[in-house]
Amino acid sequence: MMTVQQIRFNSNKDFVGHLSGSIIANASLTGPRLRATNTKGLNTSQDYAEALLNKTVAFIVDELPYLNVLLGEKPAQFLMVKSQCTTNGFGFMFQKGHELVHNVSTEIAKLRTEGKLGEIEKGWFENQLPYTADDTSNPITLYRFRGLFMITGLSSAFALAVLVILWLRDGWKDLVNSVNVFISGRFVHFKILFARTIHPILLDDHIGESAVQMAQGNRQ
């Protein structure tokens, strides 16, 4: 059975499924903690499955043994959050003061203490329920976030490219002038070295000094 503090629905279109004629479900749905304006009675586990799959009902309120039948029939489509209750299921009702009350209560407590109740549940349902809430067959790893990392990397690269383009646009003229001055200076020095190599006698020191001064003037 569901255990909730209080559930309110956003609209009158939400339906809550329950076992038709179930006293437990009727008491839960009409109580102050679970306020359902629309309810839908269901009769079989197949009705449960169809109502949940086609969204006829928002959820179903029922006792765990009946829900376990549904999970056993369709384990690939439905999942139950692991329950920590050790006394869930059907109860026993006796007339007040009946002599069997003490004996039955003692035996149930003994089965729970020895773990026999858990063994009975596993024997009936565990082989039919391959999926559990604590299933770790598909853990979350960094590889599953590869899309997020890719988007982050592309965004950072795009922002860096825009920054570089803006910087080049603002300082493009100064950069071009600096490159031109550097190339001009290197070209003048190359001409002087080439002239000294070809005509070392004709090129005196005065011409060389003038050429160096010219190159320095171009740099400034």
C-alpha atoms as a PDB file:
ATOM      1  CA  MET A   1       0.000   0.000   0.000  1.00  0.00           C
ATOM      2  CA  MET A   2       1.227   3.499  -0.714  1.00  0.00           C
ATOM      3  CA  THR A   3       2.354   5.533   2.287  1.00  0.00           C
ATOM      4  CA  VAL A   4       2.110   9.276   1.686  1.00  0.00           C
ATOM      5  CA  GLN A   5       1.783  12.408   3.756  1.00  0.00           C
ATOM      6  CA  GLN A   6      -0.600  14.227   1.454  1.00  0.00           C
ATOM      7  CA  ILE A   7      -1.213  14.258  -2.305  1.00  0.00           C
ATOM      8  CA  ARG A   8      -3.082  16.999  -4.128  1.00  0.00           C
ATOM      9  CA  PHE A   9      -3.916  16.911  -7.815  1.00  0.00           C
ATOM     10  CA  ASN A  10      -3.397  19.793 -10.211  1.00  0.00           C
ATOM     11  CA  SER A  11      -6.697  19.258 -11.975  1.00  0.00           C
ATOM     12  CA  ASN A  12      -9.869  17.213 -11.833  1.00  0.00           C
ATOM     13  CA  LYS A  13      -8.644  15.131 -14.773  1.00  0.00           C
ATOM     14  CA  ASP A  14      -6.279  13.019 -12.671  1.00  0.00           C
ATOM     15  CA  PHE A  15      -7.563   9.541 -11.858  1.00  0.00           C
ATOM     16  CA  VAL A  16      -6.346   7.182  -9.161  1.00  0.00           C
ATOM     17  CA  GLY A  17      -6.650   3.472  -9.813  1.00  0.00           C
ATOM     18  CA  HIS A  18      -7.606   0.935  -7.153  1.00  0.00           C
ATOM     19  CA  LEU A  19      -8.877  -2.610  -6.851  1.00  0.00           C
ATOM     20  CA  SER A  20     -12.628  -2.648  -7.283  1.00  0.00           C
ATOM     21  CA  GLY A  21     -14.361  -3.341  -4.005  1.00  0.00           C
ATOM     22  CA  SER A  22     -11.179  -3.033  -1.926  1.00  0.00           C
ATOM     23  CA  ILE A  23     -11.928  -1.732   1.545  1.00  0.00           C
ATOM     24  CA  ILE A  24      -8.272  -0.784   2.081  1.00  0.00           C
ATOM     25  CA  ALA A  25      -8.139   1.260  -1.121  1.00  0.00           C
ATOM     26  CA  ASN A  26     -11.453   2.956  -0.339  1.00  0.00           C
ATOM     27  CA  ALA A  27     -10.257   3.937   3.125  1.00  0.00           C
ATOM     28  CA  SER A  28      -7.008   5.317   1.716  1.00  0.00           C
ATOM     29  CA  LEU A  29      -8.599   7.319  -1.087  1.00  0.00           C
ATOM     30  CA  THR A  30     -11.272   8.875   1.101  1.00  0.00           C
ATOM     31  CA  GLY A  31      -8.929   9.710   3.979  1.00  0.00           C
ATOM     32  CA  PRO A  32      -7.618  13.211   4.737  1.00  0.00           C
ATOM     33  CA  ARG A  33      -4.035  12.454   3.640  1.00  0.00           C
ATOM     34  CA  LEU A  34      -4.854  11.294   0.108  1.00  0.00           C
ATOM     35  CA  ARG A  35      -7.326  13.529  -1.620  1.00  0.00           C
ATOM     36  CA  ALA A  36      -8.445  12.092  -4.939  1.00  0.00           C
ATOM     37  CA  THR A  37     -11.360  13.658  -6.774  1.00  0.00           C
ATOM     38  CA  ASN A  38     -11.590  10.913  -9.407  1.00  0.00           C
ATOM     39  CA  THR A  39     -11.065   7.217  -8.831  1.00  0.00           C
ATOM     40  CA  LYS A  40     -11.215   4.283 -11.212  1.00  0.00           C
ATOM     41  CA  GLY A  41     -11.889   0.725 -10.168  1.00  0.00           C
ATOM     42  CA  LEU A  42      -9.757  -2.027 -11.744  1.00  0.00           C
ATOM     43  CA  ASN A  43     -10.265  -5.767 -11.541  1.00  0.00           C
ATOM     44  CA  THR A  44      -7.166  -7.588 -12.820  1.00  0.00           C
ATOM     45  CA  SER A  45      -3.416  -7.087 -13.123  1.00  0.00           C
ATOM     46  CA  GLN A  46      -3.917  -6.647 -16.874  1.00  0.00           C
ATOM     47  CA  ASP A  47      -6.289  -3.748 -16.123  1.00  0.00           C
ATOM     48  CA  TYR A  48      -3.552  -2.266 -13.909  1.00  0.00           C
ATOM     49  CA  ALA A  49      -0.972  -2.509 -16.664  1.00  0.00           C
ATOM     50  CA  GLU A  50      -3.191  -1.025 -19.369  1.00  0.00           C
ATOM     51  CA  ALA A  51      -4.329   1.854 -17.159  1.00  0.00           C
ATOM     52  CA  LEU A  52      -0.757   2.797 -16.267  1.00  0.00           C
ATOM     53  CA  LEU A  53       0.627   2.436 -19.798  1.00  0.00           C
ATOM     54  CA  ASN A  54      -2.058   4.498 -21.498  1.00  0.00           C
ATOM     55  CA  LYS A  55      -2.073   6.998 -18.610  1.00  0.00           C
ATOM     56  CA  THR A  56      -5.718   6.442 -17.758  1.00  0.00           C
ATOM     57  CA  VAL A  57      -4.698   6.699 -14.097  1.00  0.00           C
ATOM     58  CA  ALA A  58      -1.918   8.706 -12.506  1.00  0.00           C
ATOM     59  CA  PHE A  59      -1.047   5.877 -10.106  1.00  0.00           C
ATOM     60  CA  ILE A  60      -2.617   2.890  -8.359  1.00  0.00           C
ATOM     61  CA  VAL A  61      -3.302   2.349  -4.673  1.00  0.00           C
ATOM     62  CA  ASP A  62      -3.372  -1.288  -3.627  1.00  0.00           C
ATOM     63  CA  GLU A  63      -1.838  -3.820  -1.268  1.00  0.00           C
ATOM     64  CA  LEU A  64       1.685  -5.055  -1.985  1.00  0.00           C
ATOM     65  CA  PRO A  65       0.792  -8.714  -2.697  1.00  0.00           C
ATOM     66  CA  TYR A  66      -1.466  -7.635  -5.580  1.00  0.00           C
ATOM     67  CA  LEU A  67       1.138  -5.194  -6.904  1.00  0.00           C
ATOM     68  CA  ASN A  68       3.783  -7.925  -6.765  1.00  0.00           C
ATOM     69  CA  VAL A  69       1.599 -10.027  -9.041  1.00  0.00           C
ATOM     70  CA  LEU A  70       1.658  -7.212 -11.618  1.00  0.00           C
ATOM     71  CA  LEU A  71       5.422  -6.857 -11.294  1.00  0.00           C
ATOM     72  CA  GLY A  72       5.888 -10.579 -11.675  1.00  0.00           C
ATOM     73  CA  GLU A  73       3.860 -10.630 -14.896  1.00  0.00           C
ATOM     74  CA  LYS A  74       5.451  -7.533 -16.484  1.00  0.00           C
ATOM     75  CA  PRO A  75       8.880  -6.985 -14.909  1.00  0.00           C
ATOM     76  CA  ALA A  76      10.289  -5.153 -17.942  1.00  0.00           C
ATOM     77  CA  GLN A  77       7.618  -2.440 -17.885  1.00  0.00           C
ATOM     78  CA  PHE A  78       7.152  -1.634 -14.209  1.00  0.00           C
ATOM     79  CA  LEU A  79       9.411  -1.037 -11.240  1.00  0.00           C
ATOM     80  CA  MET A  80       8.723  -0.903  -7.529  1.00  0.00           C
ATOM     81  CA  VAL A  81      10.842   1.150  -5.175  1.00  0.00           C
ATOM     82  CA  LYS A  82      12.412  -1.204  -2.649  1.00  0.00           C
ATOM     83  CA  SER A  83      10.269  -1.392   0.454  1.00  0.00           C
ATOM     84  CA  GLN A  84      11.722  -1.535   3.956  1.00  0.00           C
ATOM     85  CA  CYS A  85       8.540  -2.831   5.589  1.00  0.00           C
ATOM     86  CA  THR A  86       8.778  -6.304   7.082  1.00  0.00           C
ATOM     87  CA  THR A  87       5.105  -6.792   7.969  1.00  0.00           C
ATOM     88  CA  ASN A  88       3.460  -5.648   4.743  1.00  0.00           C
ATOM     89  CA  GLY A  89       0.877  -7.855   3.086  1.00  0.00           C
ATOM     90  CA  PHE A  90      -2.278  -9.482   4.376  1.00  0.00           C
ATOM     91  CA  GLY A  91      -3.378  -9.383   7.999  1.00  0.00           C
ATOM     92  CA  PHE A  92      -5.294 -11.724  10.249  1.00  0.00           C
ATOM     93  CA  MET A  93      -8.470 -10.674  12.025  1.00  0.00           C
ATOM     94  CA  PHE A  94      -9.806 -12.438  15.100  1.00  0.00           C
ATOM     95  CA  GLN A  95     -12.624 -11.825  17.488  1.00  0.00           C
ATOM     96  CA  LYS A  96     -11.502  -9.852  20.499  1.00  0.00           C
ATOM     97  CA  GLY A  97     -10.116 -12.143  23.148  1.00  0.00           C
ATOM     98  CA  HIS A  98      -9.754 -15.147  20.847  1.00  0.00           C
ATOM     99  CA  GLU A  99      -7.227 -17.730  22.055  1.00  0.00           C
ATOM    100  CA  LEU A 100      -5.384 -17.838  18.670  1.00  0.00           C
ATOM    101  CA  VAL A 101      -4.399 -14.152  18.747  1.00  0.00           C
ATOM    102  CA  HIS A 102      -1.394 -14.711  20.983  1.00  0.00           C
ATOM    103  CA  ASN A 103      -0.229 -17.816  19.138  1.00  0.00           C
ATOM    104  CA  VAL A 104      -0.471 -16.273  15.644  1.00  0.00           C
ATOM    105  CA  SER A 105       1.188 -13.041  16.741  1.00  0.00           C
ATOM    106  CA  THR A 106       4.026 -14.982  18.346  1.00  0.00           C
ATOM    107  CA  GLU A 107       4.607 -17.117  15.255  1.00  0.00           C
ATOM    108  CA  ILE A 108       4.587 -14.098  12.929  1.00  0.00           C
ATOM    109  CA  ALA A 109       7.090 -12.298  15.148  1.00  0.00           C
ATOM    110  CA  LYS A 110       9.257 -15.421  15.168  1.00  0.00           C
ATOM    111  CA  LEU A 111       9.193 -15.683  11.361  1.00  0.00           C
ATOM    112  CA  ARG A 112      10.133 -12.022  11.045  1.00  0.00           C
ATOM    113  CA  THR A 113      12.979 -12.311  13.547  1.00  0.00           C
ATOM    114  CA  GLU A 114      14.431 -15.415  11.886  1.00  0.00           C
ATOM    115  CA  GLY A 115      14.176 -13.868   8.422  1.00  0.00           C
ATOM    116  CA  LYS A 116      11.694 -16.445   7.189  1.00  0.00           C
ATOM    117  CA  LEU A 117       9.287 -13.778   5.919  1.00  0.00           C
ATOM    118  CA  GLY A 118      11.991 -12.377   3.668  1.00  0.00           C
ATOM    119  CA  GLU A 119      12.851 -15.841   2.396  1.00  0.00           C
ATOM    120  CA  ILE A 120       9.209 -16.551   1.583  1.00  0.00           C
ATOM    121  CA  GLU A 121       8.916 -13.286  -0.353  1.00  0.00           C
ATOM    122  CA  LYS A 122      12.118 -13.985  -2.291  1.00  0.00           C
ATOM    123  CA  GLY A 123      10.975 -17.495  -3.106  1.00  0.00           C
ATOM    124  CA  TRP A 124       7.678 -16.261  -4.504  1.00  0.00           C
ATOM    125  CA  PHE A 125       8.667 -13.087  -6.329  1.00  0.00           C
ATOM    126  CA  GLU A 126      12.430 -12.526  -6.634  1.00  0.00           C
ATOM    127  CA  ASN A 127      12.912 -14.805  -9.674  1.00  0.00           C
ATOM    128  CA  GLN A 128      10.163 -12.934 -11.485  1.00  0.00           C
ATOM    129  CA  LEU A 129      11.458  -9.447 -10.714  1.00  0.00           C
ATOM    130  CA  PRO A 130      14.804  -8.836 -12.471  1.00  0.00           C
ATOM    131  CA  TYR A 131      14.621  -5.076 -11.880  1.00  0.00           C
ATOM    132  CA  THR A 132      14.993  -3.468  -8.480  1.00  0.00           C
ATOM    133  CA  ALA A 133      15.376   0.084  -7.282  1.00  0.00           C
ATOM    134  CA  ASP A 134      18.995  -0.493  -6.262  1.00  0.00           C
ATOM    135  CA  ASP A 135      20.028  -2.059  -9.584  1.00  0.00           C
ATOM    136  CA  THR A 136      23.625  -1.024 -10.395  1.00  0.00           C
ATOM    137  CA  SER A 137      23.973  -2.792 -13.745  1.00  0.00           C
ATOM    138  CA  ASN A 138      24.007   0.554 -15.536  1.00  0.00           C
ATOM    139  CA  PRO A 139      25.857   2.989 -13.231  1.00  0.00           C
ATOM    140  CA  ILE A 140      26.320   6.665 -14.008  1.00  0.00           C
ATOM    141  CA  THR A 141      29.822   7.308 -15.351  1.00  0.00           C
ATOM    142  CA  LEU A 142      31.645  10.227 -16.955  1.00  0.00           C
ATOM    143  CA  TYR A 143      31.076   8.627 -20.348  1.00  0.00           C
ATOM    144  CA  ARG A 144      27.341   9.161 -19.986  1.00  0.00           C
ATOM    145  CA  PHE A 145      28.002  12.910 -19.646  1.00  0.00           C
ATOM    146  CA  ARG A 146      30.067  13.078 -22.845  1.00  0.00           C
ATOM    147  CA  GLY A 147      27.389  15.167 -24.557  1.00  0.00           C
ATOM    148  CA  LEU A 148      27.491  17.757 -21.796  1.00  0.00           C
ATOM    149  CA  PHE A 149      31.280  17.936 -21.931  1.00  0.00           C
ATOM    150  CA  MET A 150      31.187  18.282 -25.724  1.00  0.00           C
ATOM    151  CA  ILE A 151      28.705  21.157 -25.551  1.00  0.00           C
ATOM    152  CA  THR A 152      30.791  22.879 -22.878  1.00  0.00           C
ATOM    153  CA  GLY A 153      33.992  22.504 -24.914  1.00  0.00           C
ATOM    154  CA  LEU A 154      32.416  23.820 -28.108  1.00  0.00           C
ATOM    155  CA  SER A 155      30.921  26.786 -26.257  1.00  0.00           C
ATOM    156  CA  SER A 156      34.302  27.659 -24.715  1.00  0.00           C
ATOM    157  CA  ALA A 157      36.078  27.349 -28.077  1.00  0.00           C
ATOM    158  CA  PHE A 158      33.484  29.583 -29.759  1.00  0.00           C
ATOM    159  CA  ALA A 159      33.809  32.229 -27.040  1.00  0.00           C
ATOM    160  CA  LEU A 160      37.616  32.177 -27.374  1.00  0.00           C
ATOM    161  CA  ALA A 161      37.387  32.517 -31.171  1.00  0.00           C
ATOM    162  CA  VAL A 162      35.066  35.530 -30.854  1.00  0.00           C
ATOM    163  CA  LEU A 163      37.461  37.147 -28.358  1.00  0.00           C
ATOM    164  CA  VAL A 164      40.437  36.665 -30.684  1.00  0.00           C
ATOM    165  CA  ILE A 165      38.520  38.074 -33.664  1.00  0.00           C
ATOM    166  CA  LEU A 166      37.492  41.182 -31.709  1.00  0.00           C
ATOM    167  CA  TRP A 167      41.055  41.700 -30.509  1.00  0.00           C
ATOM    168  CA  LEU A 168      42.433  41.391 -34.052  1.00  0.00           C
ATOM    169  CA  ARG A 169      39.829  43.782 -35.416  1.00  0.00           C
ATOM    170  CA  ASP A 170      40.645  46.472 -32.848  1.00  0.00           C
ATOM    171  CA  GLY A 171      44.435  46.193 -33.197  1.00  0.00           C
ATOM    172  CA  TRP A 172      44.644  45.224 -36.865  1.00  0.00           C
ATOM    173  CA  LYS A 173      46.090  48.553 -38.111  1.00  0.00           C
ATOM    174  CA  ASP A 174      48.776  48.694 -35.429  1.00  0.00           C
ATOM    175  CA  LEU A 175      49.671  45.097 -36.123  1.00  0.00           C
ATOM    176  CA  VAL A 176      49.984  45.712 -39.864  1.00  0.00           C
ATOM    177  CA  ASN A 177      52.157  48.803 -39.309  1.00  0.00           C
ATOM    178  CA  SER A 178      54.433  46.913 -36.940  1.00  0.00           C
ATOM    179  CA  VAL A 179      54.829  44.080 -39.439  1.00  0.00           C
ATOM    180  CA  ASN A 180      55.583  46.523 -42.261  1.00  0.00           C
ATOM    181  CA  VAL A 181      58.259  48.322 -40.225  1.00  0.00           C
ATOM    182  CA  PHE A 182      59.867  45.054 -39.232  1.00  0.00           C
ATOM    183  CA  ILE A 183      59.907  43.758 -42.806  1.00  0.00           C
ATOM    184  CA  SER A 184      61.295  47.074 -44.120  1.00  0.00           C
ATOM    185  CA  GLY A 185      64.114  47.048 -41.576  1.00  0.00           C
ATOM    186  CA  ARG A 186      65.026  43.462 -42.373  1.00  0.00           C
ATOM    187  CA  PHE A 187      64.959  44.248 -46.085  1.00  0.00           C
ATOM    188  CA  VAL A 188      67.321  47.216 -45.702  1.00  0.00           C
ATOM    189  CA  HIS A 189      69.769  45.162 -43.664  1.00  0.00           C
ATOM    190  CA  PHE A 190      69.629  42.439 -46.270  1.00  0.00           C
ATOM    191  CA  LYS A 191      70.400  44.959 -49.022  1.00  0.00           C
ATOM    192  CA  ILE A 192      73.419  46.281 -47.123  1.00  0.00           C
ATOM    193  CA  LEU A 193      74.778  42.808 -46.470  1.00  0.00           C
ATOM    194  CA  PHE A 194      74.228  41.820 -50.083  1.00  0.00           C
ATOM    195  CA  ALA A 195      75.947  45.005 -51.348  1.00  0.00           C
ATOM    196  CA  ARG A 196      78.975  44.466 -49.110  1.00  0.00           C
ATOM    197  CA  THR A 197      79.242  40.913 -50.368  1.00  0.00           C
ATOM    198  CA  ILE A 198      79.113  41.886 -54.067  1.00  0.00           C
ATOM    199  CA  HIS A 199      80.967  45.227 -53.947  1.00  0.00           C
ATOM    200  CA  PRO A 200      83.027  45.429 -50.736  1.00  0.00           C
ATOM    201  CA  ILE A 201      85.339  48.140 -52.124  1.00  0.00           C
ATOM    202  CA  LEU A 202      82.723  50.478 -53.617  1.00  0.00           C
ATOM    203  CA  LEU A 203      80.574  50.496 -50.478  1.00  0.00           C
ATOM    204  CA  ASP A 204      82.402  52.701 -47.969  1.00  0.00           C
ATOM    205  CA  ASP A 205      81.595  53.174 -44.343  1.00  0.00           C
ATOM    206  CA  HIS A 206      79.733  56.425 -44.951  1.00  0.00           C
ATOM    207  CA  ILE A 207      77.188  54.744 -47.198  1.00  0.00           C
ATOM    208  CA  GLY A 208      76.795  51.916 -44.735  1.00  0.00           C
ATOM    209  CA  GLU A 209      76.143  54.304 -41.870  1.00  0.00           C
ATOM    210  CA  SER A 210      73.611  56.235 -43.959  1.00  0.00           C
ATOM    211  CA  ALA A 211      71.788  53.036 -44.786  1.00  0.00           C
ATOM    212  CA  VAL A 212      71.686  52.019 -41.131  1.00  0.00           C
ATOM    213  CA  GLN A 213      70.328  55.431 -40.147  1.00  0.00           C
ATOM    214  CA  MET A 214      67.672  55.149 -42.855  1.00  0.00           C
ATOM    215  CA  ALA A 215      66.622  51.769 -41.546  1.00  0.00           C
ATOM    216  CA  GLN A 216      66.416  53.122 -38.011  1.00  0.00           C
ATOM    217  CA  GLY A 217      64.304  56.025 -39.260  1.00  0.00           C
ATOM    218  CA  ASN A 218      61.890  53.573 -40.923  1.00  0.00           C
ATOM    219  CA  ARG A 219      61.523  51.696 -37.668  1.00  0.00           C
ATOM    220  CA  GLN A 220      60.573  54.896 -35.829  1.00  0.00           C
END
